PDB file of all heavy atoms in Angstrom:
ATOM      1  N   GLY A   1     121.705  88.816  84.295  1.00  0.00           N
ATOM      2  CA  GLY A   1     122.323  87.485  84.148  1.00  0.00           C
ATOM      3  C   GLY A   1     121.368  86.309  84.219  1.00  0.00           C
ATOM      4  O   GLY A   1     120.179  86.451  84.265  1.00  0.00           O
ATOM      5  N   HIS A   2     121.928  85.145  84.219  1.00  0.00           N
ATOM      6  CA  HIS A   2     121.237  83.935  84.232  1.00  0.00           C
ATOM      7  C   HIS A   2     121.878  82.967  85.291  1.00  0.00           C
ATOM      8  O   HIS A   2     122.862  83.231  85.920  1.00  0.00           O
ATOM      9  CB  HIS A   2     121.166  83.233  82.902  1.00  0.00           C
ATOM     10  CG  HIS A   2     120.666  84.109  81.775  1.00  0.00           C
ATOM     11  ND1 HIS A   2     119.331  84.450  81.727  1.00  0.00           N
ATOM     12  CD2 HIS A   2     121.318  84.783  80.786  1.00  0.00           C
ATOM     13  CE1 HIS A   2     119.214  85.293  80.638  1.00  0.00           C
ATOM     14  NE2 HIS A   2     120.343  85.465  80.079  1.00  0.00           N
ATOM     15  N   GLY A   3     121.275  81.770  85.478  1.00  0.00           N
ATOM     16  CA  GLY A   3     121.922  80.681  86.206  1.00  0.00           C
ATOM     17  C   GLY A   3     121.784  80.905  87.742  1.00  0.00           C
ATOM     18  O   GLY A   3     120.820  81.696  88.255  1.00  0.00           O
ATOM     19  N   ILE A   4     122.674  80.235  88.483  1.00  0.00           N
ATOM     20  CA  ILE A   4     122.434  80.244  89.939  1.00  0.00           C
ATOM     21  C   ILE A   4     122.654  81.535  90.569  1.00  0.00           C
ATOM     22  O   ILE A   4     121.812  81.905  91.443  1.00  0.00           O
ATOM     23  CB  ILE A   4     123.560  79.215  90.487  1.00  0.00           C
ATOM     24  CG1 ILE A   4     123.212  77.747  90.060  1.00  0.00           C
ATOM     25  CG2 ILE A   4     123.595  79.353  92.069  1.00  0.00           C
ATOM     26  CD1 ILE A   4     124.112  76.739  90.654  1.00  0.00           C
ATOM     27  N   PRO A   5     123.665  82.411  90.162  1.00  0.00           N
ATOM     28  CA  PRO A   5     123.725  83.759  90.732  1.00  0.00           C
ATOM     29  C   PRO A   5     122.550  84.468  90.719  1.00  0.00           C
ATOM     30  O   PRO A   5     121.972  85.212  91.639  1.00  0.00           O
ATOM     31  CB  PRO A   5     124.911  84.376  90.054  1.00  0.00           C
ATOM     32  CG  PRO A   5     125.713  83.315  89.543  1.00  0.00           C
ATOM     33  CD  PRO A   5     124.817  82.154  89.205  1.00  0.00           C
ATOM     34  N   ALA A   6     121.924  84.551  89.444  1.00  0.00           N
ATOM     35  CA  ALA A   6     120.650  85.276  89.263  1.00  0.00           C
ATOM     36  C   ALA A   6     119.526  84.716  90.081  1.00  0.00           C
ATOM     37  O   ALA A   6     118.703  85.393  90.682  1.00  0.00           O
ATOM     38  CB  ALA A   6     120.259  85.287  87.802  1.00  0.00           C
ATOM     39  N   SER A   7     119.427  83.388  90.181  1.00  0.00           N
ATOM     40  CA  SER A   7     118.414  82.811  90.986  1.00  0.00           C
ATOM     41  C   SER A   7     118.526  82.997  92.474  1.00  0.00           C
ATOM     42  O   SER A   7     117.509  83.242  93.159  1.00  0.00           O
ATOM     43  CB  SER A   7     118.425  81.254  90.708  1.00  0.00           C
ATOM     44  OG  SER A   7     119.486  80.617  91.348  1.00  0.00           O
ATOM     45  N   VAL A   8     119.779  83.137  92.951  1.00  0.00           N
ATOM     46  CA  VAL A   8     119.986  83.473  94.342  1.00  0.00           C
ATOM     47  C   VAL A   8     119.488  84.905  94.649  1.00  0.00           C
ATOM     48  O   VAL A   8     118.806  85.153  95.671  1.00  0.00           O
ATOM     49  CB  VAL A   8     121.480  83.343  94.759  1.00  0.00           C
ATOM     50  CG1 VAL A   8     121.729  83.893  96.135  1.00  0.00           C
ATOM     51  CG2 VAL A   8     121.794  81.818  94.752  1.00  0.00           C
ATOM     52  N   ILE A   9     119.877  85.894  93.741  1.00  0.00           N
ATOM     53  CA  ILE A   9     119.449  87.304  93.945  1.00  0.00           C
ATOM     54  C   ILE A   9     117.964  87.351  93.888  1.00  0.00           C
ATOM     55  O   ILE A   9     117.275  88.119  94.588  1.00  0.00           O
ATOM     56  CB  ILE A   9     120.191  88.100  92.972  1.00  0.00           C
ATOM     57  CG1 ILE A   9     121.675  88.180  93.176  1.00  0.00           C
ATOM     58  CG2 ILE A   9     119.605  89.560  92.989  1.00  0.00           C
ATOM     59  CD1 ILE A   9     122.485  88.995  92.174  1.00  0.00           C
ATOM     60  N   MET A  10     117.339  86.592  92.973  1.00  0.00           N
ATOM     61  CA  MET A  10     115.886  86.537  92.773  1.00  0.00           C
ATOM     62  C   MET A  10     115.284  86.126  94.174  1.00  0.00           C
ATOM     63  O   MET A  10     114.351  86.676  94.678  1.00  0.00           O
ATOM     64  CB  MET A  10     115.477  85.654  91.777  1.00  0.00           C
ATOM     65  CG  MET A  10     113.970  85.580  91.472  1.00  0.00           C
ATOM     66  SD  MET A  10     113.038  84.396  92.524  1.00  0.00           S
ATOM     67  CE  MET A  10     113.412  82.961  91.569  1.00  0.00           C
ATOM     68  N   ALA A  11     115.839  85.056  94.783  1.00  0.00           N
ATOM     69  CA  ALA A  11     115.303  84.598  96.086  1.00  0.00           C
ATOM     70  C   ALA A  11     115.446  85.623  97.145  1.00  0.00           C
ATOM     71  O   ALA A  11     114.550  85.836  97.949  1.00  0.00           O
ATOM     72  CB  ALA A  11     116.110  83.346  96.478  1.00  0.00           C
ATOM     73  N   ILE A  12     116.553  86.324  97.131  1.00  0.00           N
ATOM     74  CA  ILE A  12     116.790  87.325  98.131  1.00  0.00           C
ATOM     75  C   ILE A  12     115.772  88.535  97.945  1.00  0.00           C
ATOM     76  O   ILE A  12     115.210  89.028  98.877  1.00  0.00           O
ATOM     77  CB  ILE A  12     118.282  87.957  98.057  1.00  0.00           C
ATOM     78  CG1 ILE A  12     119.181  86.861  98.451  1.00  0.00           C
ATOM     79  CG2 ILE A  12     118.365  89.149  98.846  1.00  0.00           C
ATOM     80  CD1 ILE A  12     120.674  87.235  98.259  1.00  0.00           C
ATOM     81  N   THR A  13     115.628  88.925  96.703  1.00  0.00           N
ATOM     82  CA  THR A  13     114.601  89.940  96.316  1.00  0.00           C
ATOM     83  C   THR A  13     113.254  89.598  96.751  1.00  0.00           C
ATOM     84  O   THR A  13     112.454  90.404  97.358  1.00  0.00           O
ATOM     85  CB  THR A  13     114.607  90.308  94.819  1.00  0.00           C
ATOM     86  OG1 THR A  13     115.873  90.560  94.431  1.00  0.00           O
ATOM     87  CG2 THR A  13     113.611  91.356  94.524  1.00  0.00           C
ATOM     88  N   ARG A  14     112.787  88.341  96.575  1.00  0.00           N
ATOM     89  CA  ARG A  14     111.508  87.861  97.022  1.00  0.00           C
ATOM     90  C   ARG A  14     111.446  87.871  98.442  1.00  0.00           C
ATOM     91  O   ARG A  14     110.230  88.380  99.064  1.00  0.00           O
ATOM     92  CB  ARG A  14     111.245  86.363  96.545  1.00  0.00           C
ATOM     93  CG  ARG A  14     110.003  85.808  96.990  1.00  0.00           C
ATOM     94  CD  ARG A  14     109.933  84.330  96.754  1.00  0.00           C
ATOM     95  NE  ARG A  14     108.598  83.739  97.125  1.00  0.00           N
ATOM     96  CZ  ARG A  14     108.299  83.335  98.355  1.00  0.00           C
ATOM     97  NH1 ARG A  14     109.145  83.553  99.366  1.00  0.00           N
ATOM     98  NH2 ARG A  14     107.132  82.821  98.605  1.00  0.00           N
ATOM     99  N   ALA A  15     112.411  87.403  99.217  1.00  0.00           N
ATOM    100  CA  ALA A  15     112.274  87.511 100.731  1.00  0.00           C
ATOM    101  C   ALA A  15     112.240  88.889 101.256  1.00  0.00           C
ATOM    102  O   ALA A  15     111.444  89.166 102.168  1.00  0.00           O
ATOM    103  CB  ALA A  15     113.571  86.770 101.298  1.00  0.00           C
ATOM    104  N   ILE A  16     112.896  89.814 100.542  1.00  0.00           N
ATOM    105  CA  ILE A  16     112.834  91.230 100.938  1.00  0.00           C
ATOM    106  C   ILE A  16     111.398  91.789 100.710  1.00  0.00           C
ATOM    107  O   ILE A  16     110.924  92.491 101.550  1.00  0.00           O
ATOM    108  CB  ILE A  16     113.867  92.096 100.245  1.00  0.00           C
ATOM    109  CG1 ILE A  16     115.308  91.644 100.704  1.00  0.00           C
ATOM    110  CG2 ILE A  16     113.711  93.555 100.557  1.00  0.00           C
ATOM    111  CD1 ILE A  16     116.393  92.310  99.906  1.00  0.00           C
ATOM    112  N   MET A  17     110.851  91.508  99.515  1.00  0.00           N
ATOM    113  CA  MET A  17     109.521  92.046  99.135  1.00  0.00           C
ATOM    114  C   MET A  17     108.546  91.565 100.145  1.00  0.00           C
ATOM    115  O   MET A  17     107.715  92.290 100.739  1.00  0.00           O
ATOM    116  CB  MET A  17     109.167  91.599  97.782  1.00  0.00           C
ATOM    117  CG  MET A  17     109.881  92.292  96.628  1.00  0.00           C
ATOM    118  SD  MET A  17     109.372  94.069  96.532  1.00  0.00           S
ATOM    119  CE  MET A  17     107.711  93.948  96.157  1.00  0.00           C
ATOM    120  N   ARG A  18     108.529  90.284 100.522  1.00  0.00           N
ATOM    121  CA  ARG A  18     107.582  89.740 101.453  1.00  0.00           C
ATOM    122  C   ARG A  18     107.740  90.088 102.975  1.00  0.00           C
ATOM    123  O   ARG A  18     106.861  90.059 103.652  1.00  0.00           O
ATOM    124  CB  ARG A  18     107.478  88.204 101.224  1.00  0.00           C
ATOM    125  CG  ARG A  18     106.815  87.759  99.902  1.00  0.00           C
ATOM    126  CD  ARG A  18     106.656  86.250  99.786  1.00  0.00           C
ATOM    127  NE  ARG A  18     105.731  85.968  98.751  1.00  0.00           N
ATOM    128  CZ  ARG A  18     104.449  85.694  98.916  1.00  0.00           C
ATOM    129  NH1 ARG A  18     103.972  85.691 100.153  1.00  0.00           N
ATOM    130  NH2 ARG A  18     103.621  85.398  97.869  1.00  0.00           N
ATOM    131  N   SER A  19     109.061  90.327 103.284  1.00  0.00           N
ATOM    132  CA  SER A  19     109.299  90.613 104.659  1.00  0.00           C
ATOM    133  C   SER A  19     109.145  92.080 104.953  1.00  0.00           C
ATOM    134  O   SER A  19     108.776  92.442 106.185  1.00  0.00           O
ATOM    135  CB  SER A  19     110.762  90.155 105.033  1.00  0.00           C
ATOM    136  OG  SER A  19     110.867  88.804 104.876  1.00  0.00           O
ATOM    137  N   TYR A  20     109.514  92.997 104.119  1.00  0.00           N
ATOM    138  CA  TYR A  20     109.556  94.382 104.416  1.00  0.00           C
ATOM    139  C   TYR A  20     108.582  95.359 103.818  1.00  0.00           C
ATOM    140  O   TYR A  20     108.374  96.412 104.178  1.00  0.00           O
ATOM    141  CB  TYR A  20     110.951  94.929 104.092  1.00  0.00           C
ATOM    142  CG  TYR A  20     112.052  94.419 104.886  1.00  0.00           C
ATOM    143  CD1 TYR A  20     112.810  93.170 104.482  1.00  0.00           C
ATOM    144  CD2 TYR A  20     112.494  95.063 105.955  1.00  0.00           C
ATOM    145  CE1 TYR A  20     113.785  92.745 105.251  1.00  0.00           C
ATOM    146  CE2 TYR A  20     113.527  94.586 106.768  1.00  0.00           C
ATOM    147  CZ  TYR A  20     114.199  93.437 106.405  1.00  0.00           C
ATOM    148  OH  TYR A  20     115.178  92.882 107.172  1.00  0.00           O
ATOM    149  N   THR A  21     107.870  94.845 102.647  1.00  0.00           N
ATOM    150  CA  THR A  21     106.930  95.684 102.038  1.00  0.00           C
ATOM    151  C   THR A  21     105.467  95.402 102.386  1.00  0.00           C
ATOM    152  O   THR A  21     104.588  96.014 101.648  1.00  0.00           O
ATOM    153  CB  THR A  21     107.143  95.707 100.482  1.00  0.00           C
ATOM    154  OG1 THR A  21     106.859  94.390  99.992  1.00  0.00           O
ATOM    155  CG2 THR A  21     108.517  96.065 100.196  1.00  0.00           C
ATOM    156  N   TYR A  22     105.208  94.429 103.303  1.00  0.00           N
ATOM    157  CA  TYR A  22     103.845  94.179 103.674  1.00  0.00           C
ATOM    158  C   TYR A  22     103.048  95.407 104.151  1.00  0.00           C
ATOM    159  O   TYR A  22     103.537  96.115 105.060  1.00  0.00           O
ATOM    160  CB  TYR A  22     103.834  93.099 104.691  1.00  0.00           C
ATOM    161  CG  TYR A  22     102.378  92.670 105.164  1.00  0.00           C
ATOM    162  CD1 TYR A  22     101.570  91.865 104.305  1.00  0.00           C
ATOM    163  CD2 TYR A  22     101.895  93.186 106.358  1.00  0.00           C
ATOM    164  CE1 TYR A  22     100.348  91.524 104.740  1.00  0.00           C
ATOM    165  CE2 TYR A  22     100.646  92.873 106.772  1.00  0.00           C
ATOM    166  CZ  TYR A  22      99.871  92.085 105.995  1.00  0.00           C
ATOM    167  OH  TYR A  22      98.533  91.796 106.400  1.00  0.00           O
ATOM    168  N   ASP A  23     101.921  95.679 103.602  1.00  0.00           N
ATOM    169  CA  ASP A  23     101.019  96.703 103.946  1.00  0.00           C
ATOM    170  C   ASP A  23     101.658  98.098 103.487  1.00  0.00           C
ATOM    171  O   ASP A  23     101.154  99.088 104.060  1.00  0.00           O
ATOM    172  CB  ASP A  23     100.761  96.774 105.487  1.00  0.00           C
ATOM    173  CG  ASP A  23      99.328  96.163 105.650  1.00  0.00           C
ATOM    174  OD1 ASP A  23      98.729  95.629 104.675  1.00  0.00           O
ATOM    175  OD2 ASP A  23      98.823  96.148 106.867  1.00  0.00           O
ATOM    176  N   ILE A  24     102.681  98.210 102.767  1.00  0.00           N
ATOM    177  CA  ILE A  24     103.159  99.476 102.157  1.00  0.00           C
ATOM    178  C   ILE A  24     102.406  99.655 100.877  1.00  0.00           C
ATOM    179  O   ILE A  24     102.644  99.051  99.800  1.00  0.00           O
ATOM    180  CB  ILE A  24     104.687  99.439 101.907  1.00  0.00           C
ATOM    181  CG1 ILE A  24     105.369  99.325 103.311  1.00  0.00           C
ATOM    182  CG2 ILE A  24     105.081 100.747 101.241  1.00  0.00           C
ATOM    183  CD1 ILE A  24     106.894  99.241 103.161  1.00  0.00           C
ATOM    184  N   VAL A  25     101.330 100.502 100.887  1.00  0.00           N
ATOM    185  CA  VAL A  25     100.416 100.595  99.703  1.00  0.00           C
ATOM    186  C   VAL A  25     101.007 101.671  98.813  1.00  0.00           C
ATOM    187  O   VAL A  25     100.312 101.852  97.739  1.00  0.00           O
ATOM    188  CB  VAL A  25      99.046 100.970 100.196  1.00  0.00           C
ATOM    189  CG1 VAL A  25      98.474  99.801 101.114  1.00  0.00           C
ATOM    190  CG2 VAL A  25      98.949 102.313 100.981  1.00  0.00           C
ATOM    191  N   ALA A  26     102.094 102.368  99.040  1.00  0.00           N
ATOM    192  CA  ALA A  26     102.760 103.220  98.019  1.00  0.00           C
ATOM    193  C   ALA A  26     103.769 102.508  97.260  1.00  0.00           C
ATOM    194  O   ALA A  26     104.864 102.073  97.900  1.00  0.00           O
ATOM    195  CB  ALA A  26     103.245 104.451  98.691  1.00  0.00           C
ATOM    196  N   SER A  27     103.614 102.209  96.000  1.00  0.00           N
ATOM    197  CA  SER A  27     104.507 101.404  95.210  1.00  0.00           C
ATOM    198  C   SER A  27     105.915 101.961  95.233  1.00  0.00           C
ATOM    199  O   SER A  27     106.918 101.295  95.278  1.00  0.00           O
ATOM    200  CB  SER A  27     104.019 101.148  93.791  1.00  0.00           C
ATOM    201  OG  SER A  27     103.735 102.452  93.212  1.00  0.00           O
ATOM    202  N   SER A  28     106.056 103.352  95.134  1.00  0.00           N
ATOM    203  CA  SER A  28     107.376 104.033  95.037  1.00  0.00           C
ATOM    204  C   SER A  28     108.109 103.814  96.419  1.00  0.00           C
ATOM    205  O   SER A  28     109.279 103.593  96.394  1.00  0.00           O
ATOM    206  CB  SER A  28     107.205 105.458  94.735  1.00  0.00           C
ATOM    207  OG  SER A  28     106.383 106.067  95.713  1.00  0.00           O
ATOM    208  N   GLU A  29     107.402 103.907  97.490  1.00  0.00           N
ATOM    209  CA  GLU A  29     107.996 103.695  98.798  1.00  0.00           C
ATOM    210  C   GLU A  29     108.537 102.243  98.935  1.00  0.00           C
ATOM    211  O   GLU A  29     109.621 101.982  99.472  1.00  0.00           O
ATOM    212  CB  GLU A  29     107.015 104.093  99.876  1.00  0.00           C
ATOM    213  CG  GLU A  29     107.628 103.863 101.338  1.00  0.00           C
ATOM    214  CD  GLU A  29     106.533 104.224 102.451  1.00  0.00           C
ATOM    215  OE1 GLU A  29     105.451 104.821 102.028  1.00  0.00           O
ATOM    216  OE2 GLU A  29     106.741 103.880 103.550  1.00  0.00           O
ATOM    217  N   ALA A  30     107.740 101.241  98.455  1.00  0.00           N
ATOM    218  CA  ALA A  30     108.143  99.840  98.517  1.00  0.00           C
ATOM    219  C   ALA A  30     109.396  99.525  97.753  1.00  0.00           C
ATOM    220  O   ALA A  30     110.319  98.938  98.187  1.00  0.00           O
ATOM    221  CB  ALA A  30     107.010  98.914  97.973  1.00  0.00           C
ATOM    222  N   LEU A  31     109.451 100.153  96.481  1.00  0.00           N
ATOM    223  CA  LEU A  31     110.665  99.939  95.735  1.00  0.00           C
ATOM    224  C   LEU A  31     111.827 100.598  96.299  1.00  0.00           C
ATOM    225  O   LEU A  31     112.998 100.064  96.326  1.00  0.00           O
ATOM    226  CB  LEU A  31     110.447 100.446  94.285  1.00  0.00           C
ATOM    227  CG  LEU A  31     109.534  99.645  93.337  1.00  0.00           C
ATOM    228  CD1 LEU A  31     109.618 100.218  91.930  1.00  0.00           C
ATOM    229  CD2 LEU A  31     109.794  98.239  93.427  1.00  0.00           C
ATOM    230  N   ALA A  32     111.717 101.768  96.884  1.00  0.00           N
ATOM    231  CA  ALA A  32     112.829 102.460  97.536  1.00  0.00           C
ATOM    232  C   ALA A  32     113.427 101.628  98.691  1.00  0.00           C
ATOM    233  O   ALA A  32     114.553 101.549  98.966  1.00  0.00           O
ATOM    234  CB  ALA A  32     112.448 103.840  98.022  1.00  0.00           C
ATOM    235  N   MET A  33     112.501 101.014  99.473  1.00  0.00           N
ATOM    236  CA  MET A  33     112.910 100.242 100.587  1.00  0.00           C
ATOM    237  C   MET A  33     113.635  98.945 100.096  1.00  0.00           C
ATOM    238  O   MET A  33     114.700  98.630 100.581  1.00  0.00           O
ATOM    239  CB  MET A  33     111.740  99.729 101.446  1.00  0.00           C
ATOM    240  CG  MET A  33     112.021  98.878 102.574  1.00  0.00           C
ATOM    241  SD  MET A  33     110.603  98.511 103.652  1.00  0.00           S
ATOM    242  CE  MET A  33     110.318 100.110 104.381  1.00  0.00           C
ATOM    243  N   VAL A  34     113.120  98.281  99.020  1.00  0.00           N
ATOM    244  CA  VAL A  34     113.844  97.068  98.516  1.00  0.00           C
ATOM    245  C   VAL A  34     115.193  97.560  98.038  1.00  0.00           C
ATOM    246  O   VAL A  34     116.210  96.752  98.178  1.00  0.00           O
ATOM    247  CB  VAL A  34     112.901  96.490  97.465  1.00  0.00           C
ATOM    248  CG1 VAL A  34     113.743  95.375  96.681  1.00  0.00           C
ATOM    249  CG2 VAL A  34     111.666  95.938  98.096  1.00  0.00           C
ATOM    250  N   ASN A  35     115.258  98.614  97.275  1.00  0.00           N
ATOM    251  CA  ASN A  35     116.614  98.983  96.771  1.00  0.00           C
ATOM    252  C   ASN A  35     117.555  99.271  97.843  1.00  0.00           C
ATOM    253  O   ASN A  35     118.795  98.854  97.735  1.00  0.00           O
ATOM    254  CB  ASN A  35     116.366 100.276  95.953  1.00  0.00           C
ATOM    255  CG  ASN A  35     117.718 100.843  95.393  1.00  0.00           C
ATOM    256  OD1 ASN A  35     118.310 100.203  94.559  1.00  0.00           O
ATOM    257  ND2 ASN A  35     118.178 102.040  95.851  1.00  0.00           N
ATOM    258  N   GLU A  36     117.175  99.898  98.893  1.00  0.00           N
ATOM    259  CA  GLU A  36     118.124 100.218 100.012  1.00  0.00           C
ATOM    260  C   GLU A  36     118.641  98.869 100.633  1.00  0.00           C
ATOM    261  O   GLU A  36     119.797  98.738 100.858  1.00  0.00           O
ATOM    262  CB  GLU A  36     117.369 101.010 101.179  1.00  0.00           C
ATOM    263  CG  GLU A  36     118.249 101.380 102.279  1.00  0.00           C
ATOM    264  CD  GLU A  36     117.534 102.224 103.379  1.00  0.00           C
ATOM    265  OE1 GLU A  36     116.326 102.660 103.019  1.00  0.00           O
ATOM    266  OE2 GLU A  36     118.097 102.418 104.481  1.00  0.00           O
ATOM    267  N   ILE A  37     117.859  97.881 100.868  1.00  0.00           N
ATOM    268  CA  ILE A  37     118.224  96.658 101.432  1.00  0.00           C
ATOM    269  C   ILE A  37     119.132  95.867 100.467  1.00  0.00           C
ATOM    270  O   ILE A  37     120.125  95.343 100.886  1.00  0.00           O
ATOM    271  CB  ILE A  37     117.005  95.871 101.877  1.00  0.00           C
ATOM    272  CG1 ILE A  37     116.248  96.653 102.971  1.00  0.00           C
ATOM    273  CG2 ILE A  37     117.492  94.486 102.443  1.00  0.00           C
ATOM    274  CD1 ILE A  37     114.941  95.985 103.360  1.00  0.00           C
ATOM    275  N   LEU A  38     118.770  95.843  99.170  1.00  0.00           N
ATOM    276  CA  LEU A  38     119.584  95.087  98.154  1.00  0.00           C
ATOM    277  C   LEU A  38     121.015  95.836  98.078  1.00  0.00           C
ATOM    278  O   LEU A  38     121.970  95.084  97.979  1.00  0.00           O
ATOM    279  CB  LEU A  38     118.932  95.132  96.891  1.00  0.00           C
ATOM    280  CG  LEU A  38     117.762  94.167  96.635  1.00  0.00           C
ATOM    281  CD1 LEU A  38     117.188  94.335  95.290  1.00  0.00           C
ATOM    282  CD2 LEU A  38     118.334  92.676  96.763  1.00  0.00           C
ATOM    283  N   CYS A  39     121.030  97.114  98.125  1.00  0.00           N
ATOM    284  CA  CYS A  39     122.301  97.818  98.044  1.00  0.00           C
ATOM    285  C   CYS A  39     123.221  97.409  99.252  1.00  0.00           C
ATOM    286  O   CYS A  39     124.442  97.356  99.038  1.00  0.00           O
ATOM    287  CB  CYS A  39     122.171  99.299  97.969  1.00  0.00           C
ATOM    288  SG  CYS A  39     121.498  99.932  96.387  1.00  0.00           S
ATOM    289  N   ASP A  40     122.671  97.125 100.323  1.00  0.00           N
ATOM    290  CA  ASP A  40     123.485  96.837 101.521  1.00  0.00           C
ATOM    291  C   ASP A  40     123.858  95.324 101.474  1.00  0.00           C
ATOM    292  O   ASP A  40     124.850  94.991 102.235  1.00  0.00           O
ATOM    293  CB  ASP A  40     122.583  97.081 102.823  1.00  0.00           C
ATOM    294  CG  ASP A  40     122.397  98.501 103.038  1.00  0.00           C
ATOM    295  OD1 ASP A  40     123.202  99.312 102.551  1.00  0.00           O
ATOM    296  OD2 ASP A  40     121.465  98.861 103.782  1.00  0.00           O
ATOM    297  N   ASN A  41     123.226  94.506 100.640  1.00  0.00           N
ATOM    298  CA  ASN A  41     123.597  93.050 100.722  1.00  0.00           C
ATOM    299  C   ASN A  41     124.042  92.430  99.388  1.00  0.00           C
ATOM    300  O   ASN A  41     124.414  91.269  99.377  1.00  0.00           O
ATOM    301  CB  ASN A  41     122.275  92.358 101.157  1.00  0.00           C
ATOM    302  CG  ASN A  41     121.960  92.782 102.667  1.00  0.00           C
ATOM    303  OD1 ASN A  41     122.480  92.182 103.477  1.00  0.00           O
ATOM    304  ND2 ASN A  41     120.962  93.682 102.763  1.00  0.00           N
ATOM    305  N   ILE A  42     124.044  93.172  98.263  1.00  0.00           N
ATOM    306  CA  ILE A  42     124.559  92.656  97.021  1.00  0.00           C
ATOM    307  C   ILE A  42     125.874  93.398  96.747  1.00  0.00           C
ATOM    308  O   ILE A  42     125.845  94.649  96.512  1.00  0.00           O
ATOM    309  CB  ILE A  42     123.592  92.893  95.839  1.00  0.00           C
ATOM    310  CG1 ILE A  42     122.277  92.109  96.127  1.00  0.00           C
ATOM    311  CG2 ILE A  42     124.144  92.432  94.503  1.00  0.00           C
ATOM    312  CD1 ILE A  42     121.242  92.216  95.011  1.00  0.00           C
ATOM    313  N   HIS A  43     127.005  92.597  96.808  1.00  0.00           N
ATOM    314  CA  HIS A  43     128.300  93.223  96.588  1.00  0.00           C
ATOM    315  C   HIS A  43     128.798  92.792  95.225  1.00  0.00           C
ATOM    316  O   HIS A  43     130.111  92.594  95.144  1.00  0.00           O
ATOM    317  CB  HIS A  43     129.206  92.829  97.714  1.00  0.00           C
ATOM    318  CG  HIS A  43     128.573  93.173  99.102  1.00  0.00           C
ATOM    319  ND1 HIS A  43     128.446  94.440  99.498  1.00  0.00           N
ATOM    320  CD2 HIS A  43     128.092  92.374 100.028  1.00  0.00           C
ATOM    321  CE1 HIS A  43     127.912  94.489 100.718  1.00  0.00           C
ATOM    322  NE2 HIS A  43     127.660  93.195 101.123  1.00  0.00           N
ATOM    323  N   THR A  44     128.009  92.553  94.243  1.00  0.00           N
ATOM    324  CA  THR A  44     128.445  92.254  92.884  1.00  0.00           C
ATOM    325  C   THR A  44     127.947  93.320  91.985  1.00  0.00           C
ATOM    326  O   THR A  44     127.456  94.322  92.350  1.00  0.00           O
ATOM    327  CB  THR A  44     127.947  90.872  92.509  1.00  0.00           C
ATOM    328  OG1 THR A  44     126.516  90.970  92.423  1.00  0.00           O
ATOM    329  CG2 THR A  44     128.355  89.791  93.513  1.00  0.00           C
TER     330      THR A  44
END
């Protein structure tokens, strides 16, 4: 999508990446963690 909803989800994704994946040097593990948190918080 585009517009404000997409920009809000983008901001949430950025915050999750910077808060939870610091020093996780396995890329697959980092994506799995971001997916888990997004699933718990995106209800669209």
